[in-house]
Amino acid sequence: MTDQPQQPPYPQDGPKGHQPPPGPQGPGYGYPPPPGPQGPGYGYPPPPGQAPGYSYPPPPGPQGPGPGYPPPPGGQHPGYGSYPYQGQVPPGTWTGDPQAPYGYDIYGRPYSDKSKLAAGLLQLFLGGFGVGRFYTGHVGIALAQLFTCGGLGIWSLVDGILLLAGDHTDAQGRPLRG
């Protein structure tokens, strides 16, 4: 057997540059609090004259309004009860516009008199004949679906799903309702 080289002995405080951790310097987790007067903190009572809590005592004198926004003139918040502002109309009310009897979408376009649900279901179940596209007024696509039996059923199935899920328009360019 050969002799293996011995490592040089380390000084008493360990490897070079390593110092053992110092002892407890003050209170910490697992140590009892030091004796004597203690300041405010978690688990300690508040100083005399201060209410318990995490904030400073309130300033003396009259207090301002409570938290939140002040109520609007008239004392009623919008959206609760009646419509307090002039010119507001409850949703679903017919406004009397003959150009848009079904209302407007969020882009200001008038809704169609045709339903998205009706067009999609007609296309899914009778799409081989192009009935969903005849319903929306797209006669050219409807005739193509009629002559190809709805693209052997695949075109009519995909078109029915797209009519139900997408934002399609009728022949006049108005978005389908609902």
N, C-alpha and C. Protein backbone atom coordinates (compact mmCIF):
# COMPACT_ATOMS: atom_id res chain seq x y z
N MET A 1 0.82 -1.17 0.00
CA MET A 1 0.00 0.00 0.00
C MET A 1 0.87 1.23 0.00
N THR A 2 0.32 2.24 -0.64
CA THR A 2 1.07 3.49 -0.68
C THR A 2 0.50 4.44 0.36
N ASP A 3 1.33 5.31 0.79
CA ASP A 3 0.89 6.30 1.76
C ASP A 3 0.14 7.41 1.03
N GLN A 4 -0.99 7.74 1.54
CA GLN A 4 -1.75 8.84 0.95
C GLN A 4 -1.31 10.13 1.59
N PRO A 5 -1.26 11.21 0.81
CA PRO A 5 -0.81 12.48 1.38
C PRO A 5 -1.82 12.97 2.42
N GLN A 6 -1.31 13.58 3.45
CA GLN A 6 -2.14 14.11 4.52
C GLN A 6 -2.48 15.56 4.18
N GLN A 7 -3.70 15.97 4.51
CA GLN A 7 -4.08 17.36 4.31
C GLN A 7 -3.55 18.18 5.47
N PRO A 8 -3.19 19.43 5.18
CA PRO A 8 -2.66 20.25 6.27
C PRO A 8 -3.75 20.51 7.30
N PRO A 9 -3.39 20.58 8.56
CA PRO A 9 -4.41 20.83 9.59
C PRO A 9 -4.94 22.26 9.49
N TYR A 10 -6.23 22.41 9.72
CA TYR A 10 -6.88 23.72 9.70
C TYR A 10 -6.74 24.37 11.07
N PRO A 11 -6.78 25.69 11.08
CA PRO A 11 -6.77 26.35 12.39
C PRO A 11 -8.05 26.02 13.15
N GLN A 12 -8.13 26.44 14.39
CA GLN A 12 -9.24 26.09 15.26
C GLN A 12 -10.58 26.61 14.74
N ASP A 13 -10.59 27.75 14.02
CA ASP A 13 -11.88 28.31 13.61
C ASP A 13 -12.37 27.74 12.28
N GLY A 14 -11.80 26.72 11.76
CA GLY A 14 -12.30 26.08 10.56
C GLY A 14 -11.46 26.43 9.35
N PRO A 15 -11.97 26.14 8.12
CA PRO A 15 -11.24 26.43 6.90
C PRO A 15 -10.98 27.93 6.77
N LYS A 16 -10.02 28.25 5.94
CA LYS A 16 -9.62 29.64 5.77
C LYS A 16 -10.81 30.46 5.24
N GLY A 17 -11.05 31.60 5.87
CA GLY A 17 -12.13 32.48 5.45
C GLY A 17 -13.47 32.12 6.06
N HIS A 18 -13.58 31.00 6.73
CA HIS A 18 -14.86 30.60 7.31
C HIS A 18 -14.83 30.90 8.78
N GLN A 19 -15.81 31.64 9.23
CA GLN A 19 -15.94 31.93 10.65
C GLN A 19 -17.23 31.30 11.13
N PRO A 20 -17.27 30.77 12.30
CA PRO A 20 -18.52 30.20 12.81
C PRO A 20 -19.52 31.33 13.03
N PRO A 21 -20.81 31.03 12.91
CA PRO A 21 -21.82 32.07 13.09
C PRO A 21 -21.77 32.61 14.52
N PRO A 22 -21.96 33.91 14.66
CA PRO A 22 -21.93 34.48 16.01
C PRO A 22 -23.13 34.02 16.81
N GLY A 23 -23.04 34.12 18.09
CA GLY A 23 -24.12 33.74 18.99
C GLY A 23 -25.27 34.73 18.87
N PRO A 24 -26.35 34.45 19.55
CA PRO A 24 -27.51 35.34 19.44
C PRO A 24 -27.19 36.74 19.93
N GLN A 25 -27.47 37.72 19.06
CA GLN A 25 -27.19 39.11 19.39
C GLN A 25 -28.38 39.77 20.07
N GLY A 26 -29.57 39.33 19.84
CA GLY A 26 -30.75 39.96 20.41
C GLY A 26 -31.93 39.01 20.28
N PRO A 27 -33.14 39.54 20.49
CA PRO A 27 -34.30 38.64 20.40
C PRO A 27 -34.53 38.20 18.96
N GLY A 28 -34.94 37.05 18.79
CA GLY A 28 -35.23 36.48 17.49
C GLY A 28 -36.17 35.32 17.65
N TYR A 29 -36.35 34.61 16.60
CA TYR A 29 -37.26 33.47 16.64
C TYR A 29 -36.71 32.42 17.59
N GLY A 30 -37.49 32.04 18.55
CA GLY A 30 -37.08 31.01 19.50
C GLY A 30 -36.38 31.54 20.72
N TYR A 31 -36.12 32.84 20.78
CA TYR A 31 -35.46 33.43 21.94
C TYR A 31 -36.47 34.23 22.74
N PRO A 32 -36.38 34.22 24.04
CA PRO A 32 -37.31 35.03 24.84
C PRO A 32 -36.99 36.51 24.67
N PRO A 33 -38.01 37.40 24.82
CA PRO A 33 -37.74 38.83 24.67
C PRO A 33 -36.83 39.32 25.79
N PRO A 34 -36.05 40.34 25.50
CA PRO A 34 -35.14 40.84 26.53
C PRO A 34 -35.93 41.50 27.66
N PRO A 35 -35.40 41.47 28.85
CA PRO A 35 -36.11 42.11 29.95
C PRO A 35 -36.05 43.63 29.83
N GLY A 36 -37.03 44.31 30.41
CA GLY A 36 -37.04 45.76 30.40
C GLY A 36 -38.16 46.29 29.53
N PRO A 37 -38.25 47.63 29.38
CA PRO A 37 -39.33 48.21 28.57
C PRO A 37 -39.15 47.88 27.08
N GLN A 38 -40.25 47.56 26.45
CA GLN A 38 -40.22 47.20 25.04
C GLN A 38 -41.14 48.13 24.26
N GLY A 39 -40.77 48.39 23.02
CA GLY A 39 -41.55 49.27 22.16
C GLY A 39 -42.74 48.54 21.57
N PRO A 40 -43.58 49.27 20.81
CA PRO A 40 -44.74 48.63 20.21
C PRO A 40 -44.31 47.68 19.10
N GLY A 41 -45.02 46.62 18.95
CA GLY A 41 -44.73 45.63 17.92
C GLY A 41 -45.69 44.48 18.04
N TYR A 42 -45.44 43.48 17.29
CA TYR A 42 -46.34 42.33 17.28
C TYR A 42 -46.28 41.65 18.64
N GLY A 43 -47.42 41.47 19.26
CA GLY A 43 -47.49 40.78 20.54
C GLY A 43 -47.29 41.67 21.74
N TYR A 44 -46.97 42.94 21.53
CA TYR A 44 -46.78 43.85 22.65
C TYR A 44 -47.99 44.77 22.76
N PRO A 45 -48.35 45.19 23.95
CA PRO A 45 -49.49 46.10 24.08
C PRO A 45 -49.14 47.48 23.54
N PRO A 46 -50.15 48.24 23.08
CA PRO A 46 -49.87 49.58 22.55
C PRO A 46 -49.47 50.53 23.67
N PRO A 47 -48.79 51.60 23.32
CA PRO A 47 -48.42 52.58 24.35
C PRO A 47 -49.67 53.21 24.96
N PRO A 48 -49.55 53.78 26.15
CA PRO A 48 -50.73 54.38 26.79
C PRO A 48 -51.26 55.55 25.96
N GLY A 49 -52.58 55.64 25.85
CA GLY A 49 -53.23 56.71 25.10
C GLY A 49 -53.42 56.42 23.63
N GLN A 50 -52.96 55.27 23.13
CA GLN A 50 -53.11 54.94 21.70
C GLN A 50 -54.00 53.73 21.58
N ALA A 51 -54.94 53.81 20.64
CA ALA A 51 -55.85 52.69 20.42
C ALA A 51 -55.10 51.55 19.77
N PRO A 52 -55.51 50.31 20.01
CA PRO A 52 -54.83 49.18 19.36
C PRO A 52 -55.06 49.23 17.85
N GLY A 53 -54.07 48.82 17.11
CA GLY A 53 -54.16 48.80 15.66
C GLY A 53 -52.80 49.09 15.05
N TYR A 54 -52.79 49.29 13.73
CA TYR A 54 -51.54 49.48 13.02
C TYR A 54 -51.33 50.91 12.56
N SER A 55 -52.19 51.85 12.93
CA SER A 55 -52.06 53.19 12.41
C SER A 55 -51.82 54.19 13.53
N TYR A 56 -51.56 55.42 13.11
CA TYR A 56 -51.39 56.50 14.07
C TYR A 56 -52.75 56.88 14.63
N PRO A 57 -52.77 57.53 15.78
CA PRO A 57 -54.07 57.95 16.31
C PRO A 57 -54.69 59.02 15.41
N PRO A 58 -56.03 59.09 15.33
CA PRO A 58 -56.67 60.07 14.44
C PRO A 58 -56.38 61.48 14.95
N PRO A 59 -56.31 62.43 14.01
CA PRO A 59 -56.05 63.81 14.44
C PRO A 59 -57.25 64.37 15.19
N PRO A 60 -57.00 65.29 16.11
CA PRO A 60 -58.13 65.87 16.83
C PRO A 60 -58.94 66.79 15.93
N GLY A 61 -60.21 66.95 16.23
CA GLY A 61 -61.06 67.84 15.47
C GLY A 61 -62.06 67.08 14.62
N PRO A 62 -62.87 67.78 13.81
CA PRO A 62 -63.89 67.11 12.99
C PRO A 62 -63.25 66.27 11.89
N GLN A 63 -63.87 65.17 11.63
CA GLN A 63 -63.36 64.24 10.62
C GLN A 63 -64.00 64.54 9.28
N GLY A 64 -63.29 64.22 8.19
CA GLY A 64 -63.78 64.42 6.83
C GLY A 64 -64.76 63.33 6.44
N PRO A 65 -65.09 63.23 5.14
CA PRO A 65 -66.02 62.19 4.70
C PRO A 65 -65.41 60.81 4.88
N GLY A 66 -66.25 59.81 4.94
CA GLY A 66 -65.80 58.43 5.12
C GLY A 66 -65.09 57.92 3.89
N PRO A 67 -64.70 56.65 3.89
CA PRO A 67 -63.99 56.10 2.75
C PRO A 67 -64.87 56.01 1.51
N GLY A 68 -64.26 56.06 0.35
CA GLY A 68 -64.98 55.95 -0.91
C GLY A 68 -65.29 57.31 -1.49
N TYR A 69 -66.04 57.30 -2.58
CA TYR A 69 -66.41 58.54 -3.25
C TYR A 69 -67.65 59.13 -2.59
N PRO A 70 -67.78 60.45 -2.62
CA PRO A 70 -69.00 61.04 -2.09
C PRO A 70 -70.18 60.71 -2.99
N PRO A 71 -71.39 60.68 -2.44
CA PRO A 71 -72.55 60.35 -3.29
C PRO A 71 -72.80 61.45 -4.32
N PRO A 72 -73.37 61.10 -5.48
CA PRO A 72 -73.65 62.10 -6.51
C PRO A 72 -74.79 63.01 -6.07
N PRO A 73 -74.96 64.14 -6.75
CA PRO A 73 -76.09 65.01 -6.41
C PRO A 73 -77.39 64.24 -6.56
N GLY A 74 -78.26 64.41 -5.62
CA GLY A 74 -79.51 63.66 -5.63
C GLY A 74 -79.43 62.46 -4.73
N GLY A 75 -78.24 62.06 -4.32
CA GLY A 75 -78.06 60.99 -3.35
C GLY A 75 -78.20 59.58 -3.87
N GLN A 76 -78.29 59.36 -5.17
CA GLN A 76 -78.46 58.00 -5.68
C GLN A 76 -77.34 57.69 -6.66
N HIS A 77 -76.74 56.53 -6.50
CA HIS A 77 -75.67 56.12 -7.41
C HIS A 77 -76.27 55.61 -8.71
N PRO A 78 -75.61 55.86 -9.85
CA PRO A 78 -76.14 55.35 -11.12
C PRO A 78 -76.09 53.83 -11.14
N GLY A 79 -77.09 53.24 -11.73
CA GLY A 79 -77.14 51.79 -11.83
C GLY A 79 -78.01 51.16 -10.76
N TYR A 80 -78.46 51.95 -9.80
CA TYR A 80 -79.32 51.43 -8.73
C TYR A 80 -80.65 52.15 -8.81
N GLY A 81 -81.70 51.41 -9.03
CA GLY A 81 -83.02 52.03 -9.06
C GLY A 81 -83.33 52.61 -10.42
N SER A 82 -83.83 53.82 -10.44
CA SER A 82 -84.24 54.45 -11.69
C SER A 82 -83.03 55.07 -12.39
N TYR A 83 -83.28 55.61 -13.58
CA TYR A 83 -82.22 56.23 -14.36
C TYR A 83 -82.24 57.73 -14.07
N PRO A 84 -81.29 58.22 -13.28
CA PRO A 84 -81.36 59.61 -12.84
C PRO A 84 -80.90 60.62 -13.88
N TYR A 85 -80.20 60.22 -14.91
CA TYR A 85 -79.64 61.17 -15.86
C TYR A 85 -80.54 61.32 -17.07
N GLN A 86 -80.61 62.52 -17.59
CA GLN A 86 -81.41 62.78 -18.77
C GLN A 86 -80.77 62.11 -19.98
N GLY A 87 -81.57 61.55 -20.85
CA GLY A 87 -81.07 60.96 -22.08
C GLY A 87 -80.71 59.49 -21.96
N GLN A 88 -80.69 58.93 -20.75
CA GLN A 88 -80.39 57.51 -20.62
C GLN A 88 -81.65 56.70 -20.84
N VAL A 89 -81.50 55.61 -21.57
CA VAL A 89 -82.62 54.74 -21.87
C VAL A 89 -82.28 53.35 -21.33
N PRO A 90 -83.20 52.69 -20.64
CA PRO A 90 -82.91 51.34 -20.15
C PRO A 90 -82.59 50.40 -21.31
N PRO A 91 -81.72 49.42 -21.08
CA PRO A 91 -81.38 48.48 -22.16
C PRO A 91 -82.62 47.72 -22.64
N GLY A 92 -82.68 47.47 -23.94
CA GLY A 92 -83.77 46.73 -24.53
C GLY A 92 -84.97 47.57 -24.90
N THR A 93 -84.94 48.86 -24.63
CA THR A 93 -86.05 49.75 -24.96
C THR A 93 -85.96 50.14 -26.42
N TRP A 94 -87.10 50.10 -27.12
CA TRP A 94 -87.11 50.49 -28.52
C TRP A 94 -86.97 52.00 -28.60
N THR A 95 -85.96 52.47 -29.30
CA THR A 95 -85.66 53.89 -29.36
C THR A 95 -86.42 54.60 -30.46
N GLY A 96 -87.09 53.87 -31.33
CA GLY A 96 -87.86 54.50 -32.39
C GLY A 96 -87.05 54.81 -33.63
N ASP A 97 -85.86 54.27 -33.78
CA ASP A 97 -85.03 54.52 -34.95
C ASP A 97 -85.45 53.53 -36.05
N PRO A 98 -86.06 54.01 -37.15
CA PRO A 98 -86.50 53.07 -38.17
C PRO A 98 -85.35 52.43 -38.93
N GLN A 99 -84.16 53.04 -38.89
CA GLN A 99 -83.01 52.44 -39.58
C GLN A 99 -82.42 51.28 -38.79
N ALA A 100 -82.69 51.22 -37.48
CA ALA A 100 -82.15 50.16 -36.63
C ALA A 100 -83.21 49.70 -35.64
N PRO A 101 -84.23 48.97 -36.11
CA PRO A 101 -85.28 48.56 -35.18
C PRO A 101 -84.81 47.56 -34.12
N TYR A 102 -83.66 46.91 -34.35
CA TYR A 102 -83.14 45.94 -33.37
C TYR A 102 -81.96 46.49 -32.60
N GLY A 103 -81.67 47.78 -32.74
CA GLY A 103 -80.59 48.41 -31.99
C GLY A 103 -79.28 48.40 -32.77
N TYR A 104 -78.25 48.86 -32.08
CA TYR A 104 -76.92 48.97 -32.68
C TYR A 104 -75.94 48.08 -31.92
N ASP A 105 -74.90 47.61 -32.61
CA ASP A 105 -73.84 46.88 -31.92
C ASP A 105 -72.85 47.88 -31.33
N ILE A 106 -71.76 47.38 -30.73
CA ILE A 106 -70.83 48.27 -30.05
C ILE A 106 -70.04 49.14 -31.02
N TYR A 107 -70.06 48.82 -32.30
CA TYR A 107 -69.37 49.63 -33.30
C TYR A 107 -70.31 50.62 -33.99
N GLY A 108 -71.57 50.65 -33.57
CA GLY A 108 -72.52 51.58 -34.15
C GLY A 108 -73.24 51.07 -35.38
N ARG A 109 -73.06 49.80 -35.72
CA ARG A 109 -73.74 49.24 -36.88
C ARG A 109 -75.12 48.73 -36.45
N PRO A 110 -76.15 48.94 -37.26
CA PRO A 110 -77.47 48.44 -36.88
C PRO A 110 -77.53 46.92 -37.01
N TYR A 111 -78.23 46.28 -36.06
CA TYR A 111 -78.38 44.83 -36.09
C TYR A 111 -79.33 44.42 -37.22
N SER A 112 -79.12 43.21 -37.72
CA SER A 112 -79.96 42.64 -38.75
C SER A 112 -81.26 42.12 -38.14
N ASP A 113 -82.25 41.91 -38.99
CA ASP A 113 -83.47 41.28 -38.51
C ASP A 113 -83.33 39.76 -38.48
N LYS A 114 -82.19 39.25 -38.95
CA LYS A 114 -81.92 37.81 -38.94
C LYS A 114 -81.18 37.41 -37.66
N SER A 115 -81.41 36.21 -37.20
CA SER A 115 -80.80 35.71 -35.96
C SER A 115 -79.60 34.83 -36.26
N LYS A 116 -78.56 34.99 -35.47
CA LYS A 116 -77.37 34.15 -35.62
C LYS A 116 -77.68 32.70 -35.28
N LEU A 117 -78.47 32.50 -34.24
CA LEU A 117 -78.82 31.14 -33.82
C LEU A 117 -79.63 30.42 -34.89
N ALA A 118 -80.62 31.12 -35.46
CA ALA A 118 -81.44 30.49 -36.50
C ALA A 118 -80.59 30.16 -37.73
N ALA A 119 -79.72 31.08 -38.13
CA ALA A 119 -78.88 30.84 -39.31
C ALA A 119 -77.93 29.67 -39.08
N GLY A 120 -77.32 29.59 -37.89
CA GLY A 120 -76.40 28.51 -37.60
C GLY A 120 -77.07 27.16 -37.54
N LEU A 121 -78.24 27.09 -36.89
CA LEU A 121 -78.94 25.80 -36.80
C LEU A 121 -79.49 25.37 -38.15
N LEU A 122 -80.00 26.30 -38.94
CA LEU A 122 -80.44 25.93 -40.29
C LEU A 122 -79.28 25.40 -41.12
N GLN A 123 -78.12 26.02 -40.98
CA GLN A 123 -76.95 25.58 -41.74
C GLN A 123 -76.47 24.22 -41.26
N LEU A 124 -76.51 23.97 -39.95
CA LEU A 124 -76.05 22.66 -39.44
C LEU A 124 -76.97 21.53 -39.90
N PHE A 125 -78.29 21.74 -39.83
CA PHE A 125 -79.21 20.64 -40.12
C PHE A 125 -79.64 20.57 -41.58
N LEU A 126 -79.70 21.69 -42.27
CA LEU A 126 -80.11 21.69 -43.68
C LEU A 126 -79.05 22.34 -44.56
N GLY A 127 -77.80 22.26 -44.14
CA GLY A 127 -76.71 22.92 -44.86
C GLY A 127 -76.41 22.31 -46.21
N GLY A 128 -76.77 21.05 -46.41
CA GLY A 128 -76.56 20.43 -47.71
C GLY A 128 -77.35 21.13 -48.80
N PHE A 129 -78.41 21.82 -48.41
CA PHE A 129 -79.23 22.58 -49.36
C PHE A 129 -78.92 24.08 -49.31
N GLY A 130 -77.99 24.50 -48.43
CA GLY A 130 -77.62 25.91 -48.33
C GLY A 130 -78.67 26.77 -47.65
N VAL A 131 -79.53 26.17 -46.83
CA VAL A 131 -80.67 26.89 -46.26
C VAL A 131 -80.21 28.01 -45.33
N GLY A 132 -79.15 27.79 -44.56
CA GLY A 132 -78.66 28.83 -43.65
C GLY A 132 -78.19 30.06 -44.39
N ARG A 133 -77.55 29.86 -45.53
CA ARG A 133 -77.08 30.99 -46.34
C ARG A 133 -78.22 31.65 -47.12
N PHE A 134 -79.22 30.86 -47.52
CA PHE A 134 -80.40 31.49 -48.13
C PHE A 134 -81.09 32.38 -47.10
N TYR A 135 -81.14 31.93 -45.84
CA TYR A 135 -81.78 32.69 -44.77
C TYR A 135 -81.09 34.04 -44.56
N THR A 136 -79.76 34.07 -44.59
CA THR A 136 -79.05 35.34 -44.37
C THR A 136 -78.99 36.19 -45.62
N GLY A 137 -79.41 35.68 -46.77
CA GLY A 137 -79.44 36.47 -48.00
C GLY A 137 -78.23 36.29 -48.88
N HIS A 138 -77.32 35.41 -48.55
CA HIS A 138 -76.14 35.15 -49.38
C HIS A 138 -76.50 34.08 -50.41
N VAL A 139 -77.10 34.50 -51.50
CA VAL A 139 -77.66 33.57 -52.48
C VAL A 139 -76.56 32.84 -53.24
N GLY A 140 -75.46 33.50 -53.56
CA GLY A 140 -74.38 32.86 -54.32
C GLY A 140 -73.77 31.69 -53.56
N ILE A 141 -73.45 31.90 -52.30
CA ILE A 141 -72.88 30.80 -51.49
C ILE A 141 -73.92 29.70 -51.29
N ALA A 142 -75.19 30.10 -51.13
CA ALA A 142 -76.24 29.12 -50.93
C ALA A 142 -76.41 28.23 -52.16
N LEU A 143 -76.34 28.81 -53.36
CA LEU A 143 -76.45 28.00 -54.58
C LEU A 143 -75.25 27.07 -54.73
N ALA A 144 -74.06 27.55 -54.38
CA ALA A 144 -72.88 26.69 -54.45
C ALA A 144 -73.01 25.52 -53.48
N GLN A 145 -73.54 25.76 -52.30
CA GLN A 145 -73.74 24.66 -51.36
C GLN A 145 -74.85 23.72 -51.84
N LEU A 146 -75.86 24.26 -52.46
CA LEU A 146 -76.94 23.42 -52.98
C LEU A 146 -76.45 22.49 -54.07
N PHE A 147 -75.62 23.00 -54.98
CA PHE A 147 -75.15 22.18 -56.10
C PHE A 147 -74.06 21.19 -55.69
N THR A 148 -73.37 21.43 -54.59
CA THR A 148 -72.31 20.50 -54.15
C THR A 148 -72.75 19.68 -52.93
N CYS A 149 -74.03 19.75 -52.62
CA CYS A 149 -74.58 19.06 -51.42
C CYS A 149 -73.82 19.50 -50.16
N GLY A 150 -73.60 20.78 -50.08
CA GLY A 150 -72.92 21.33 -48.90
C GLY A 150 -71.47 20.91 -48.82
N GLY A 151 -70.82 20.76 -49.98
CA GLY A 151 -69.43 20.31 -49.98
C GLY A 151 -69.32 18.92 -49.37
N LEU A 152 -70.28 18.05 -49.76
CA LEU A 152 -70.40 16.68 -49.23
C LEU A 152 -70.58 16.69 -47.71
N GLY A 153 -71.20 17.75 -47.20
CA GLY A 153 -71.51 17.81 -45.78
C GLY A 153 -70.45 18.49 -44.94
N ILE A 154 -69.22 18.50 -45.42
CA ILE A 154 -68.13 19.09 -44.63
C ILE A 154 -68.24 20.61 -44.65
N TRP A 155 -68.46 21.19 -45.81
CA TRP A 155 -68.55 22.64 -45.92
C TRP A 155 -69.73 23.16 -45.09
N SER A 156 -70.87 22.47 -45.17
CA SER A 156 -72.05 22.94 -44.44
C SER A 156 -71.85 22.81 -42.93
N LEU A 157 -71.16 21.77 -42.48
CA LEU A 157 -70.89 21.61 -41.05
C LEU A 157 -69.98 22.72 -40.53
N VAL A 158 -68.88 22.98 -41.23
CA VAL A 158 -67.95 24.03 -40.82
C VAL A 158 -68.63 25.40 -40.91
N ASP A 159 -69.42 25.62 -41.96
CA ASP A 159 -70.10 26.90 -42.12
C ASP A 159 -71.14 27.12 -41.02
N GLY A 160 -71.84 26.07 -40.61
CA GLY A 160 -72.82 26.19 -39.52
C GLY A 160 -72.15 26.54 -38.20
N ILE A 161 -71.00 25.92 -37.93
CA ILE A 161 -70.28 26.23 -36.69
C ILE A 161 -69.76 27.67 -36.73
N LEU A 162 -69.25 28.08 -37.89
CA LEU A 162 -68.76 29.46 -38.01
C LEU A 162 -69.89 30.48 -37.90
N LEU A 163 -71.08 30.16 -38.41
CA LEU A 163 -72.21 31.06 -38.27
C LEU A 163 -72.61 31.21 -36.81
N LEU A 164 -72.53 30.12 -36.05
CA LEU A 164 -72.89 30.19 -34.63
C LEU A 164 -71.84 30.90 -33.80
N ALA A 165 -70.59 30.71 -34.12
CA ALA A 165 -69.50 31.22 -33.27
C ALA A 165 -68.94 32.55 -33.73
N GLY A 166 -69.02 32.87 -35.00
CA GLY A 166 -68.35 34.07 -35.51
C GLY A 166 -69.26 35.28 -35.58
N ASP A 167 -68.69 36.36 -36.06
CA ASP A 167 -69.42 37.61 -36.26
C ASP A 167 -69.73 37.74 -37.74
N HIS A 168 -70.85 37.15 -38.17
CA HIS A 168 -71.23 37.18 -39.57
C HIS A 168 -72.29 38.23 -39.81
N THR A 169 -72.43 38.63 -41.06
CA THR A 169 -73.40 39.65 -41.43
C THR A 169 -74.41 39.07 -42.40
N ASP A 170 -75.51 39.81 -42.58
CA ASP A 170 -76.48 39.40 -43.58
C ASP A 170 -76.08 40.00 -44.94
N ALA A 171 -76.94 39.89 -45.94
CA ALA A 171 -76.59 40.36 -47.28
C ALA A 171 -76.44 41.88 -47.34
N GLN A 172 -77.05 42.63 -46.40
CA GLN A 172 -76.93 44.07 -46.38
C GLN A 172 -75.74 44.54 -45.55
N GLY A 173 -74.95 43.63 -45.00
CA GLY A 173 -73.78 43.99 -44.21
C GLY A 173 -74.06 44.27 -42.76
N ARG A 174 -75.27 43.99 -42.29
CA ARG A 174 -75.60 44.21 -40.88
C ARG A 174 -75.27 42.96 -40.07
N PRO A 175 -74.70 43.11 -38.87
CA PRO A 175 -74.37 41.92 -38.06
C PRO A 175 -75.61 41.18 -37.60
N LEU A 176 -75.50 39.85 -37.58
CA LEU A 176 -76.64 39.03 -37.15
C LEU A 176 -76.88 39.23 -35.65
N ARG A 177 -78.15 39.18 -35.25
CA ARG A 177 -78.51 39.36 -33.84
C ARG A 177 -78.18 38.11 -33.03
N GLY A 178 -77.85 38.33 -31.75
CA GLY A 178 -77.71 37.30 -30.73
C GLY A 178 -76.76 36.24 -31.07
